[in-house]
């Protein structure tokens, strides 16, 4: 089974700015039912579990479209996939009508042991082929496309034959999969390793972006790992999901959306989670940046249509259908 993808989302898929569902505010969400285009959930929190939280999720699914973002596939690992777990995941994705499933381009298990982190793989041609094969197997097992997410990392993952952006692009092309673009992760890596985040964004396949993440981060002092107020010599930026999204990341989001057009964007918050009204205020800031990007995308499209010599671009993957 081969999945082919255009730059835009599938018909009927949600767009706009939604929220990553967390148990800390699920009761408040059910009590108030704010207007949201969708929620994003992690199946690992619900599959095979009974009790309170799956019951609450069952109350939310009729009210909000759901997108699925996983944590445990370890696409870049070497452990074999659990066939029964993939069957259970597929049944869950069918139940919530998830148009695709996303997970991280990393490894998170070794020898069956869970590492409780998302660790980068070496940027090697051999890894491109190996991981693409694993992604294809997961896509076939789940009966829907996979979207892989670029991760934040804090040390170079060994010898490299290409840049991270080239690696992401090569894997997506080899697997013919989608890209879940985490804008904050791209920003964090650029800050820590000193490369140009906009050059990085130009190198990844934006035509494959089907969803995006934004989140906040924190700065820490080197060595002592104490929280600091911002950038400076010897400091490390960490993708904590524990603060508001900074203006630079919102600007990057706006710029990317101006190129991708409407896709779902998720605000993630996993630490120092405020009350739901404050979180919705933060979501409104993200939505404002998203809307500016959509406006810019519309103007770009209008300019293209006004050029007599211009021809509509056809995605070669779509033409091959």
C-alpha atoms as a PDB file:
ATOM      1  CA  UNK A   1       0.000   0.000   0.000  1.00  0.00           C
ATOM      2  CA  UNK A   2       1.442   3.375  -0.997  1.00  0.00           C
ATOM      3  CA  UNK A   3       0.237   6.721   0.280  1.00  0.00           C
ATOM      4  CA  UNK A   4       0.641   9.780  -1.866  1.00  0.00           C
ATOM      5  CA  UNK A   5       0.250  13.291  -0.638  1.00  0.00           C
ATOM      6  CA  UNK A   6      -0.377  16.764  -1.971  1.00  0.00           C
ATOM      7  CA  UNK A   7       0.744  19.914  -0.218  1.00  0.00           C
ATOM      8  CA  UNK A   8      -2.736  20.602   1.155  1.00  0.00           C
ATOM      9  CA  UNK A   9      -4.629  18.566   3.711  1.00  0.00           C
ATOM     10  CA  UNK A  10      -7.100  15.912   2.723  1.00  0.00           C
ATOM     11  CA  UNK A  11     -10.674  17.017   2.073  1.00  0.00           C
ATOM     12  CA  UNK A  12     -12.526  17.290   5.356  1.00  0.00           C
ATOM     13  CA  UNK A  13      -9.384  17.426   7.508  1.00  0.00           C
ATOM     14  CA  UNK A  14      -9.364  20.188  10.132  1.00  0.00           C
ATOM     15  CA  UNK A  15      -7.354  23.365   9.661  1.00  0.00           C
ATOM     16  CA  UNK A  16      -6.650  26.358  11.875  1.00  0.00           C
ATOM     17  CA  UNK A  17      -5.088  26.443  15.336  1.00  0.00           C
ATOM     18  CA  UNK A  18      -6.073  23.755  17.821  1.00  0.00           C
ATOM     19  CA  UNK A  19      -4.902  22.544  21.185  1.00  0.00           C
ATOM     20  CA  UNK A  20      -2.984  19.530  22.392  1.00  0.00           C
ATOM     21  CA  UNK A  21      -5.318  17.862  24.889  1.00  0.00           C
ATOM     22  CA  UNK A  22      -3.866  17.431  28.377  1.00  0.00           C
ATOM     23  CA  UNK A  23      -5.500  15.852  31.413  1.00  0.00           C
ATOM     24  CA  UNK A  24      -4.772  18.958  33.497  1.00  0.00           C
ATOM     25  CA  UNK A  25      -7.558  20.900  31.762  1.00  0.00           C
ATOM     26  CA  UNK A  26      -9.819  18.191  30.362  1.00  0.00           C
ATOM     27  CA  UNK A  27     -12.552  18.795  32.970  1.00  0.00           C
ATOM     28  CA  UNK A  28     -12.558  22.535  32.311  1.00  0.00           C
ATOM     29  CA  UNK A  29     -12.646  21.888  28.587  1.00  0.00           C
ATOM     30  CA  UNK A  30     -15.705  19.660  28.924  1.00  0.00           C
ATOM     31  CA  UNK A  31     -17.429  22.171  31.190  1.00  0.00           C
ATOM     32  CA  UNK A  32     -16.935  25.128  28.843  1.00  0.00           C
ATOM     33  CA  UNK A  33     -16.557  23.560  25.362  1.00  0.00           C
ATOM     34  CA  UNK A  34     -14.665  26.510  23.840  1.00  0.00           C
ATOM     35  CA  UNK A  35     -14.727  26.947  20.087  1.00  0.00           C
ATOM     36  CA  UNK A  36     -11.754  25.022  18.703  1.00  0.00           C
ATOM     37  CA  UNK A  37     -11.220  23.595  15.218  1.00  0.00           C
ATOM     38  CA  UNK A  38      -9.774  20.350  16.615  1.00  0.00           C
ATOM     39  CA  UNK A  39      -7.879  18.698  19.459  1.00  0.00           C
ATOM     40  CA  UNK A  40      -4.692  16.653  19.214  1.00  0.00           C
ATOM     41  CA  UNK A  41      -4.324  13.591  21.425  1.00  0.00           C
ATOM     42  CA  UNK A  42      -1.634  11.001  22.120  1.00  0.00           C
ATOM     43  CA  UNK A  43      -3.080   7.491  21.704  1.00  0.00           C
ATOM     44  CA  UNK A  44      -0.664   6.062  24.279  1.00  0.00           C
ATOM     45  CA  UNK A  45      -2.731   7.848  26.947  1.00  0.00           C
ATOM     46  CA  UNK A  46      -5.924   6.035  25.949  1.00  0.00           C
ATOM     47  CA  UNK A  47      -5.361   2.803  24.003  1.00  0.00           C
ATOM     48  CA  UNK A  48      -5.980  -0.252  26.164  1.00  0.00           C
ATOM     49  CA  UNK A  49      -6.852   1.835  29.207  1.00  0.00           C
ATOM     50  CA  UNK A  50     -10.123   2.019  31.056  1.00  0.00           C
ATOM     51  CA  UNK A  51     -11.422   4.422  33.638  1.00  0.00           C
ATOM     52  CA  UNK A  52     -11.841   8.144  33.872  1.00  0.00           C
ATOM     53  CA  UNK A  53      -9.788   9.675  31.069  1.00  0.00           C
ATOM     54  CA  UNK A  54     -10.880   7.432  28.185  1.00  0.00           C
ATOM     55  CA  UNK A  55     -14.459   8.064  29.348  1.00  0.00           C
ATOM     56  CA  UNK A  56     -13.871  11.826  29.227  1.00  0.00           C
ATOM     57  CA  UNK A  57     -12.293  11.521  25.790  1.00  0.00           C
ATOM     58  CA  UNK A  58     -15.415   9.694  24.609  1.00  0.00           C
ATOM     59  CA  UNK A  59     -17.409  12.784  25.598  1.00  0.00           C
ATOM     60  CA  UNK A  60     -15.100  15.065  23.618  1.00  0.00           C
ATOM     61  CA  UNK A  61     -14.854  13.105  20.377  1.00  0.00           C
ATOM     62  CA  UNK A  62     -18.406  13.954  19.202  1.00  0.00           C
ATOM     63  CA  UNK A  63     -17.686  17.649  19.783  1.00  0.00           C
ATOM     64  CA  UNK A  64     -14.197  18.115  18.323  1.00  0.00           C
ATOM     65  CA  UNK A  65     -12.330  16.572  15.385  1.00  0.00           C
ATOM     66  CA  UNK A  66      -9.309  14.651  16.668  1.00  0.00           C
ATOM     67  CA  UNK A  67      -5.756  14.481  15.349  1.00  0.00           C
ATOM     68  CA  UNK A  68      -3.394  11.772  16.556  1.00  0.00           C
ATOM     69  CA  UNK A  69       0.194  12.331  17.680  1.00  0.00           C
ATOM     70  CA  UNK A  70       2.179   9.399  19.014  1.00  0.00           C
ATOM     71  CA  UNK A  71       5.156   9.136  21.333  1.00  0.00           C
ATOM     72  CA  UNK A  72       6.268   5.519  21.291  1.00  0.00           C
ATOM     73  CA  UNK A  73       6.694   4.130  17.769  1.00  0.00           C
ATOM     74  CA  UNK A  74      10.458   4.711  17.876  1.00  0.00           C
ATOM     75  CA  UNK A  75      10.557   5.024  14.098  1.00  0.00           C
ATOM     76  CA  UNK A  76      14.324   5.494  14.180  1.00  0.00           C
ATOM     77  CA  UNK A  77      14.929   2.597  16.535  1.00  0.00           C
ATOM     78  CA  UNK A  78      15.872  -0.976  15.751  1.00  0.00           C
ATOM     79  CA  UNK A  79      13.360  -2.807  17.939  1.00  0.00           C
ATOM     80  CA  UNK A  80      10.727  -4.689  15.915  1.00  0.00           C
ATOM     81  CA  UNK A  81       7.247  -3.234  15.900  1.00  0.00           C
ATOM     82  CA  UNK A  82       4.628  -4.908  18.084  1.00  0.00           C
ATOM     83  CA  UNK A  83       2.012  -6.193  15.615  1.00  0.00           C
ATOM     84  CA  UNK A  84      -0.708  -6.405  18.260  1.00  0.00           C
ATOM     85  CA  UNK A  85       0.001  -2.860  19.429  1.00  0.00           C
ATOM     86  CA  UNK A  86      -0.226  -1.596  15.849  1.00  0.00           C
ATOM     87  CA  UNK A  87      -3.582  -3.364  15.418  1.00  0.00           C
ATOM     88  CA  UNK A  88      -4.873  -1.739  18.603  1.00  0.00           C
ATOM     89  CA  UNK A  89      -3.571   1.642  17.463  1.00  0.00           C
ATOM     90  CA  UNK A  90      -5.251   1.258  14.077  1.00  0.00           C
ATOM     91  CA  UNK A  91      -8.578   0.440  15.737  1.00  0.00           C
ATOM     92  CA  UNK A  92      -8.260   3.535  17.928  1.00  0.00           C
ATOM     93  CA  UNK A  93      -7.385   5.756  14.957  1.00  0.00           C
ATOM     94  CA  UNK A  94     -10.371   4.369  13.069  1.00  0.00           C
ATOM     95  CA  UNK A  95     -12.585   5.108  16.067  1.00  0.00           C
ATOM     96  CA  UNK A  96     -11.542   8.767  16.301  1.00  0.00           C
ATOM     97  CA  UNK A  97     -11.413   9.065  12.483  1.00  0.00           C
ATOM     98  CA  UNK A  98      -7.833  10.305  12.437  1.00  0.00           C
ATOM     99  CA  UNK A  99      -6.845  11.196   8.847  1.00  0.00           C
ATOM    100  CA  UNK A 100      -3.173  10.449   9.578  1.00  0.00           C
ATOM    101  CA  UNK A 101      -0.965   9.543  12.521  1.00  0.00           C
ATOM    102  CA  UNK A 102       2.186  11.428  13.464  1.00  0.00           C
ATOM    103  CA  UNK A 103       5.215  10.431  15.499  1.00  0.00           C
ATOM    104  CA  UNK A 104       8.802  11.555  15.921  1.00  0.00           C
ATOM    105  CA  UNK A 105      11.757  10.993  13.610  1.00  0.00           C
ATOM    106  CA  UNK A 106      13.899   9.575  16.415  1.00  0.00           C
ATOM    107  CA  UNK A 107      14.433   6.503  18.559  1.00  0.00           C
ATOM    108  CA  UNK A 108      12.926   6.104  22.022  1.00  0.00           C
ATOM    109  CA  UNK A 109      13.449   2.412  22.831  1.00  0.00           C
ATOM    110  CA  UNK A 110      16.441   0.063  22.895  1.00  0.00           C
ATOM    111  CA  UNK A 111      16.134  -3.665  23.472  1.00  0.00           C
ATOM    112  CA  UNK A 112      12.546  -3.226  24.575  1.00  0.00           C
ATOM    113  CA  UNK A 113      13.492  -0.673  27.232  1.00  0.00           C
ATOM    114  CA  UNK A 114      11.712   2.679  27.057  1.00  0.00           C
ATOM    115  CA  UNK A 115      14.192   5.566  27.207  1.00  0.00           C
ATOM    116  CA  UNK A 116      11.634   8.250  28.136  1.00  0.00           C
ATOM    117  CA  UNK A 117      13.220  10.631  25.654  1.00  0.00           C
ATOM    118  CA  UNK A 118      13.166  11.377  21.940  1.00  0.00           C
ATOM    119  CA  UNK A 119      16.719  10.812  20.740  1.00  0.00           C
ATOM    120  CA  UNK A 120      18.106  11.703  17.299  1.00  0.00           C
ATOM    121  CA  UNK A 121      19.478   9.177  14.837  1.00  0.00           C
ATOM    122  CA  UNK A 122      22.668   9.650  12.773  1.00  0.00           C
ATOM    123  CA  UNK A 123      22.125  11.605   9.576  1.00  0.00           C
ATOM    124  CA  UNK A 124      23.346   8.816   7.293  1.00  0.00           C
ATOM    125  CA  UNK A 125      22.147   7.472   3.942  1.00  0.00           C
ATOM    126  CA  UNK A 126      21.884   3.990   5.434  1.00  0.00           C
ATOM    127  CA  UNK A 127      19.581   5.377   8.127  1.00  0.00           C
ATOM    128  CA  UNK A 128      17.422   7.087   5.498  1.00  0.00           C
ATOM    129  CA  UNK A 129      16.724   3.748   3.821  1.00  0.00           C
ATOM    130  CA  UNK A 130      16.273   1.826   7.068  1.00  0.00           C
ATOM    131  CA  UNK A 131      13.896   4.324   8.672  1.00  0.00           C
ATOM    132  CA  UNK A 132      11.913   4.862   5.469  1.00  0.00           C
ATOM    133  CA  UNK A 133      11.280   1.121   5.345  1.00  0.00           C
ATOM    134  CA  UNK A 134      10.036   1.189   8.949  1.00  0.00           C
ATOM    135  CA  UNK A 135       7.733   4.126   8.205  1.00  0.00           C
ATOM    136  CA  UNK A 136       6.278   2.305   5.194  1.00  0.00           C
ATOM    137  CA  UNK A 137       5.574  -0.746   7.343  1.00  0.00           C
ATOM    138  CA  UNK A 138       3.768   1.394   9.918  1.00  0.00           C
ATOM    139  CA  UNK A 139       1.722   3.157   7.241  1.00  0.00           C
ATOM    140  CA  UNK A 140       0.598  -0.189   5.868  1.00  0.00           C
ATOM    141  CA  UNK A 141      -0.245  -1.497   9.345  1.00  0.00           C
ATOM    142  CA  UNK A 142      -2.244   1.601  10.296  1.00  0.00           C
ATOM    143  CA  UNK A 143      -4.015   1.960   6.964  1.00  0.00           C
ATOM    144  CA  UNK A 144      -3.316   5.679   6.765  1.00  0.00           C
ATOM    145  CA  UNK A 145      -0.386   8.045   6.109  1.00  0.00           C
ATOM    146  CA  UNK A 146       2.304   8.737   8.673  1.00  0.00           C
ATOM    147  CA  UNK A 147       3.609  12.233   9.368  1.00  0.00           C
ATOM    148  CA  UNK A 148       7.098  12.366  10.879  1.00  0.00           C
ATOM    149  CA  UNK A 149       8.100  15.157  13.244  1.00  0.00           C
ATOM    150  CA  UNK A 150      11.497  16.838  13.425  1.00  0.00           C
ATOM    151  CA  UNK A 151      12.773  16.605  17.004  1.00  0.00           C
ATOM    152  CA  UNK A 152      14.833  18.865  19.223  1.00  0.00           C
ATOM    153  CA  UNK A 153      18.188  17.425  20.293  1.00  0.00           C
ATOM    154  CA  UNK A 154      21.105  18.598  22.401  1.00  0.00           C
ATOM    155  CA  UNK A 155      24.134  16.734  21.084  1.00  0.00           C
ATOM    156  CA  UNK A 156      25.189  15.708  17.592  1.00  0.00           C
ATOM    157  CA  UNK A 157      24.024  12.145  16.857  1.00  0.00           C
ATOM    158  CA  UNK A 158      27.387  10.832  15.678  1.00  0.00           C
ATOM    159  CA  UNK A 159      28.922  10.997  12.217  1.00  0.00           C
ATOM    160  CA  UNK A 160      26.812  12.741   9.584  1.00  0.00           C
ATOM    161  CA  UNK A 161      26.673  12.500   5.795  1.00  0.00           C
ATOM    162  CA  UNK A 162      24.093  15.281   5.487  1.00  0.00           C
ATOM    163  CA  UNK A 163      22.443  18.023   7.515  1.00  0.00           C
ATOM    164  CA  UNK A 164      19.389  17.394   9.662  1.00  0.00           C
ATOM    165  CA  UNK A 165      17.167  19.225   7.166  1.00  0.00           C
ATOM    166  CA  UNK A 166      18.521  17.123   4.299  1.00  0.00           C
ATOM    167  CA  UNK A 167      17.973  13.999   6.383  1.00  0.00           C
ATOM    168  CA  UNK A 168      14.346  14.925   7.090  1.00  0.00           C
ATOM    169  CA  UNK A 169      13.779  15.620   3.397  1.00  0.00           C
ATOM    170  CA  UNK A 170      15.419  12.360   2.293  1.00  0.00           C
ATOM    171  CA  UNK A 171      13.405  10.249   4.747  1.00  0.00           C
ATOM    172  CA  UNK A 172      10.110  11.867   3.724  1.00  0.00           C
ATOM    173  CA  UNK A 173      10.903  11.319   0.059  1.00  0.00           C
ATOM    174  CA  UNK A 174      12.057   7.716   0.499  1.00  0.00           C
ATOM    175  CA  UNK A 175       8.985   6.781   2.558  1.00  0.00           C
ATOM    176  CA  UNK A 176       6.649   9.081   0.596  1.00  0.00           C
ATOM    177  CA  UNK A 177       5.284  10.165   3.965  1.00  0.00           C
ATOM    178  CA  UNK A 178       4.040  13.451   5.381  1.00  0.00           C
ATOM    179  CA  UNK A 179       5.890  15.975   7.527  1.00  0.00           C
ATOM    180  CA  UNK A 180       4.743  17.167  10.923  1.00  0.00           C
ATOM    181  CA  UNK A 181       6.755  20.378  11.189  1.00  0.00           C
ATOM    182  CA  UNK A 182       7.576  21.421  14.740  1.00  0.00           C
ATOM    183  CA  UNK A 183       8.512  25.080  14.385  1.00  0.00           C
ATOM    184  CA  UNK A 184       9.797  25.422  17.938  1.00  0.00           C
ATOM    185  CA  UNK A 185      12.042  22.359  17.582  1.00  0.00           C
ATOM    186  CA  UNK A 186      13.585  23.872  14.456  1.00  0.00           C
ATOM    187  CA  UNK A 187      14.154  27.145  16.320  1.00  0.00           C
ATOM    188  CA  UNK A 188      15.642  25.414  19.392  1.00  0.00           C
ATOM    189  CA  UNK A 189      18.129  23.404  17.323  1.00  0.00           C
ATOM    190  CA  UNK A 190      19.155  26.480  15.341  1.00  0.00           C
ATOM    191  CA  UNK A 191      19.820  28.417  18.547  1.00  0.00           C
ATOM    192  CA  UNK A 192      21.809  25.623  20.183  1.00  0.00           C
ATOM    193  CA  UNK A 193      23.874  24.620  17.139  1.00  0.00           C
ATOM    194  CA  UNK A 194      24.228  28.023  15.508  1.00  0.00           C
ATOM    195  CA  UNK A 195      22.661  27.457  12.117  1.00  0.00           C
ATOM    196  CA  UNK A 196      20.171  29.576  10.166  1.00  0.00           C
ATOM    197  CA  UNK A 197      16.648  28.392  10.932  1.00  0.00           C
ATOM    198  CA  UNK A 198      15.261  29.941   7.743  1.00  0.00           C
ATOM    199  CA  UNK A 199      17.821  28.092   5.639  1.00  0.00           C
ATOM    200  CA  UNK A 200      16.778  24.935   7.500  1.00  0.00           C
ATOM    201  CA  UNK A 201      13.132  25.594   6.641  1.00  0.00           C
ATOM    202  CA  UNK A 202      14.005  26.144   2.989  1.00  0.00           C
ATOM    203  CA  UNK A 203      15.689  22.730   2.910  1.00  0.00           C
ATOM    204  CA  UNK A 204      12.823  20.657   4.330  1.00  0.00           C
ATOM    205  CA  UNK A 205       9.919  19.600   2.077  1.00  0.00           C
ATOM    206  CA  UNK A 206       7.254  22.149   2.971  1.00  0.00           C
ATOM    207  CA  UNK A 207       5.052  20.647   0.250  1.00  0.00           C
ATOM    208  CA  UNK A 208       4.721  17.587   2.516  1.00  0.00           C
ATOM    209  CA  UNK A 209       3.727  19.530   5.649  1.00  0.00           C
ATOM    210  CA  UNK A 210       0.322  18.308   6.771  1.00  0.00           C
ATOM    211  CA  UNK A 211       0.414  19.618  10.343  1.00  0.00           C
ATOM    212  CA  UNK A 212       2.553  21.850  12.565  1.00  0.00           C
ATOM    213  CA  UNK A 213       3.428  22.214  16.235  1.00  0.00           C
ATOM    214  CA  UNK A 214       4.335  25.335  18.178  1.00  0.00           C
ATOM    215  CA  UNK A 215       5.329  25.488  21.828  1.00  0.00           C
ATOM    216  CA  UNK A 216       7.360  27.433  24.339  1.00  0.00           C
ATOM    217  CA  UNK A 217      10.890  26.761  25.541  1.00  0.00           C
ATOM    218  CA  UNK A 218      13.211  27.739  28.385  1.00  0.00           C
ATOM    219  CA  UNK A 219      16.852  28.769  28.666  1.00  0.00           C
ATOM    220  CA  UNK A 220      19.194  27.065  31.132  1.00  0.00           C
ATOM    221  CA  UNK A 221      22.720  27.773  32.286  1.00  0.00           C
ATOM    222  CA  UNK A 222      25.343  25.376  30.995  1.00  0.00           C
ATOM    223  CA  UNK A 223      26.614  22.823  33.502  1.00  0.00           C
ATOM    224  CA  UNK A 224      24.420  23.730  36.469  1.00  0.00           C
ATOM    225  CA  UNK A 225      21.239  23.529  34.373  1.00  0.00           C
ATOM    226  CA  UNK A 226      19.540  26.352  36.228  1.00  0.00           C
ATOM    227  CA  UNK A 227      16.689  28.261  34.626  1.00  0.00           C
ATOM    228  CA  UNK A 228      17.791  31.615  33.189  1.00  0.00           C
ATOM    229  CA  UNK A 229      16.010  34.611  31.744  1.00  0.00           C
ATOM    230  CA  UNK A 230      17.106  34.203  28.141  1.00  0.00           C
ATOM    231  CA  UNK A 231      19.976  33.666  25.707  1.00  0.00           C
ATOM    232  CA  UNK A 232      23.578  34.320  26.639  1.00  0.00           C
ATOM    233  CA  UNK A 233      27.050  32.769  26.603  1.00  0.00           C
ATOM    234  CA  UNK A 234      27.114  29.178  27.787  1.00  0.00           C
ATOM    235  CA  UNK A 235      23.347  28.827  27.868  1.00  0.00           C
ATOM    236  CA  UNK A 236      21.182  26.056  26.477  1.00  0.00           C
ATOM    237  CA  UNK A 237      17.671  26.405  25.083  1.00  0.00           C
ATOM    238  CA  UNK A 238      15.413  23.435  25.885  1.00  0.00           C
ATOM    239  CA  UNK A 239      12.108  22.497  24.283  1.00  0.00           C
ATOM    240  CA  UNK A 240      10.206  22.274  27.577  1.00  0.00           C
ATOM    241  CA  UNK A 241       6.676  23.065  26.359  1.00  0.00           C
ATOM    242  CA  UNK A 242       6.557  24.990  29.630  1.00  0.00           C
ATOM    243  CA  UNK A 243       6.298  28.633  28.566  1.00  0.00           C
ATOM    244  CA  UNK A 244       4.507  30.886  26.112  1.00  0.00           C
ATOM    245  CA  UNK A 245       5.465  30.729  22.442  1.00  0.00           C
ATOM    246  CA  UNK A 246       8.080  33.437  21.818  1.00  0.00           C
ATOM    247  CA  UNK A 247       7.585  36.110  19.128  1.00  0.00           C
ATOM    248  CA  UNK A 248      10.414  34.715  16.961  1.00  0.00           C
ATOM    249  CA  UNK A 249       8.667  31.345  16.723  1.00  0.00           C
ATOM    250  CA  UNK A 250       5.350  33.015  15.908  1.00  0.00           C
ATOM    251  CA  UNK A 251       7.080  34.937  13.114  1.00  0.00           C
ATOM    252  CA  UNK A 252       8.497  31.686  11.733  1.00  0.00           C
ATOM    253  CA  UNK A 253       5.042  30.119  11.913  1.00  0.00           C
ATOM    254  CA  UNK A 254       3.592  33.023   9.952  1.00  0.00           C
ATOM    255  CA  UNK A 255       6.311  32.700   7.303  1.00  0.00           C
ATOM    256  CA  UNK A 256       5.822  28.951   6.917  1.00  0.00           C
ATOM    257  CA  UNK A 257       2.021  29.199   6.715  1.00  0.00           C
ATOM    258  CA  UNK A 258       2.429  31.839   4.001  1.00  0.00           C
ATOM    259  CA  UNK A 259       4.002  29.037   1.941  1.00  0.00           C
ATOM    260  CA  UNK A 260       2.021  25.969   3.009  1.00  0.00           C
ATOM    261  CA  UNK A 261      -1.418  27.535   3.143  1.00  0.00           C
ATOM    262  CA  UNK A 262      -4.035  26.202   5.573  1.00  0.00           C
ATOM    263  CA  UNK A 263      -2.898  23.254   7.677  1.00  0.00           C
ATOM    264  CA  UNK A 264      -3.715  22.360  11.293  1.00  0.00           C
ATOM    265  CA  UNK A 265      -1.377  23.952  13.836  1.00  0.00           C
ATOM    266  CA  UNK A 266      -1.242  22.620  17.406  1.00  0.00           C
ATOM    267  CA  UNK A 267      -0.313  24.609  20.504  1.00  0.00           C
ATOM    268  CA  UNK A 268       1.481  22.245  22.890  1.00  0.00           C
ATOM    269  CA  UNK A 269       1.807  22.842  26.631  1.00  0.00           C
ATOM    270  CA  UNK A 270       3.158  20.140  28.948  1.00  0.00           C
ATOM    271  CA  UNK A 271       4.675  22.002  31.906  1.00  0.00           C
ATOM    272  CA  UNK A 272       3.521  24.986  33.970  1.00  0.00           C
ATOM    273  CA  UNK A 273       0.112  24.576  32.360  1.00  0.00           C
ATOM    274  CA  UNK A 274      -2.042  27.626  33.108  1.00  0.00           C
ATOM    275  CA  UNK A 275      -5.796  27.690  33.592  1.00  0.00           C
ATOM    276  CA  UNK A 276      -7.747  27.125  30.396  1.00  0.00           C
ATOM    277  CA  UNK A 277      -8.678  30.820  29.838  1.00  0.00           C
ATOM    278  CA  UNK A 278      -4.988  31.797  29.866  1.00  0.00           C
ATOM    279  CA  UNK A 279      -4.172  28.916  27.547  1.00  0.00           C
ATOM    280  CA  UNK A 280      -6.897  30.066  25.157  1.00  0.00           C
ATOM    281  CA  UNK A 281      -5.423  33.580  25.241  1.00  0.00           C
ATOM    282  CA  UNK A 282      -2.097  32.071  24.181  1.00  0.00           C
ATOM    283  CA  UNK A 283      -3.865  30.128  21.465  1.00  0.00           C
ATOM    284  CA  UNK A 284      -5.368  33.406  20.195  1.00  0.00           C
ATOM    285  CA  UNK A 285      -1.841  34.829  19.797  1.00  0.00           C
ATOM    286  CA  UNK A 286      -0.849  31.776  17.770  1.00  0.00           C
ATOM    287  CA  UNK A 287      -4.019  32.086  15.706  1.00  0.00           C
ATOM    288  CA  UNK A 288      -3.213  35.724  14.904  1.00  0.00           C
ATOM    289  CA  UNK A 289       0.182  34.684  13.486  1.00  0.00           C
ATOM    290  CA  UNK A 290      -1.473  31.841  11.580  1.00  0.00           C
ATOM    291  CA  UNK A 291      -4.082  34.200  10.115  1.00  0.00           C
ATOM    292  CA  UNK A 292      -1.377  36.608   8.959  1.00  0.00           C
ATOM    293  CA  UNK A 293       0.330  33.711   7.223  1.00  0.00           C
ATOM    294  CA  UNK A 294      -2.924  32.666   5.551  1.00  0.00           C
ATOM    295  CA  UNK A 295      -3.461  36.238   4.333  1.00  0.00           C
ATOM    296  CA  UNK A 296       0.070  36.315   2.895  1.00  0.00           C
ATOM    297  CA  UNK A 297      -0.505  32.945   1.229  1.00  0.00           C
ATOM    298  CA  UNK A 298      -3.671  34.292  -0.369  1.00  0.00           C
ATOM    299  CA  UNK A 299      -1.871  37.350  -1.711  1.00  0.00           C
ATOM    300  CA  UNK A 300       0.883  35.143  -3.108  1.00  0.00           C
ATOM    301  CA  UNK A 301      -1.673  32.939  -4.836  1.00  0.00           C
ATOM    302  CA  UNK A 302      -3.447  35.962  -6.315  1.00  0.00           C
ATOM    303  CA  UNK A 303      -0.182  37.317  -7.717  1.00  0.00           C
ATOM    304  CA  UNK A 304       0.561  33.952  -9.282  1.00  0.00           C
ATOM    305  CA  UNK A 305      -2.863  33.823 -10.926  1.00  0.00           C
ATOM    306  CA  UNK A 306      -2.444  37.320 -12.373  1.00  0.00           C
ATOM    307  CA  UNK A 307       0.666  36.304 -14.319  1.00  0.00           C
ATOM    308  CA  UNK A 308      -0.481  35.327 -17.830  1.00  0.00           C
ATOM    309  CA  UNK A 309       2.489  33.054 -18.324  1.00  0.00           C
ATOM    310  CA  UNK A 310       2.025  31.212 -15.036  1.00  0.00           C
ATOM    311  CA  UNK A 311       0.707  27.696 -15.020  1.00  0.00           C
ATOM    312  CA  UNK A 312      -0.822  25.873 -12.091  1.00  0.00           C
ATOM    313  CA  UNK A 313       1.768  23.677 -10.458  1.00  0.00           C
ATOM    314  CA  UNK A 314       0.899  20.001 -10.384  1.00  0.00           C
ATOM    315  CA  UNK A 315       2.281  17.812  -7.625  1.00  0.00           C
ATOM    316  CA  UNK A 316       4.024  14.922  -9.422  1.00  0.00           C
ATOM    317  CA  UNK A 317       2.808  12.509  -6.747  1.00  0.00           C
ATOM    318  CA  UNK A 318      -0.778  13.620  -7.396  1.00  0.00           C
ATOM    319  CA  UNK A 319      -0.363  13.339 -11.161  1.00  0.00           C
ATOM    320  CA  UNK A 320       0.810   9.758 -10.744  1.00  0.00           C
ATOM    321  CA  UNK A 321      -2.418   8.672  -9.103  1.00  0.00           C
END
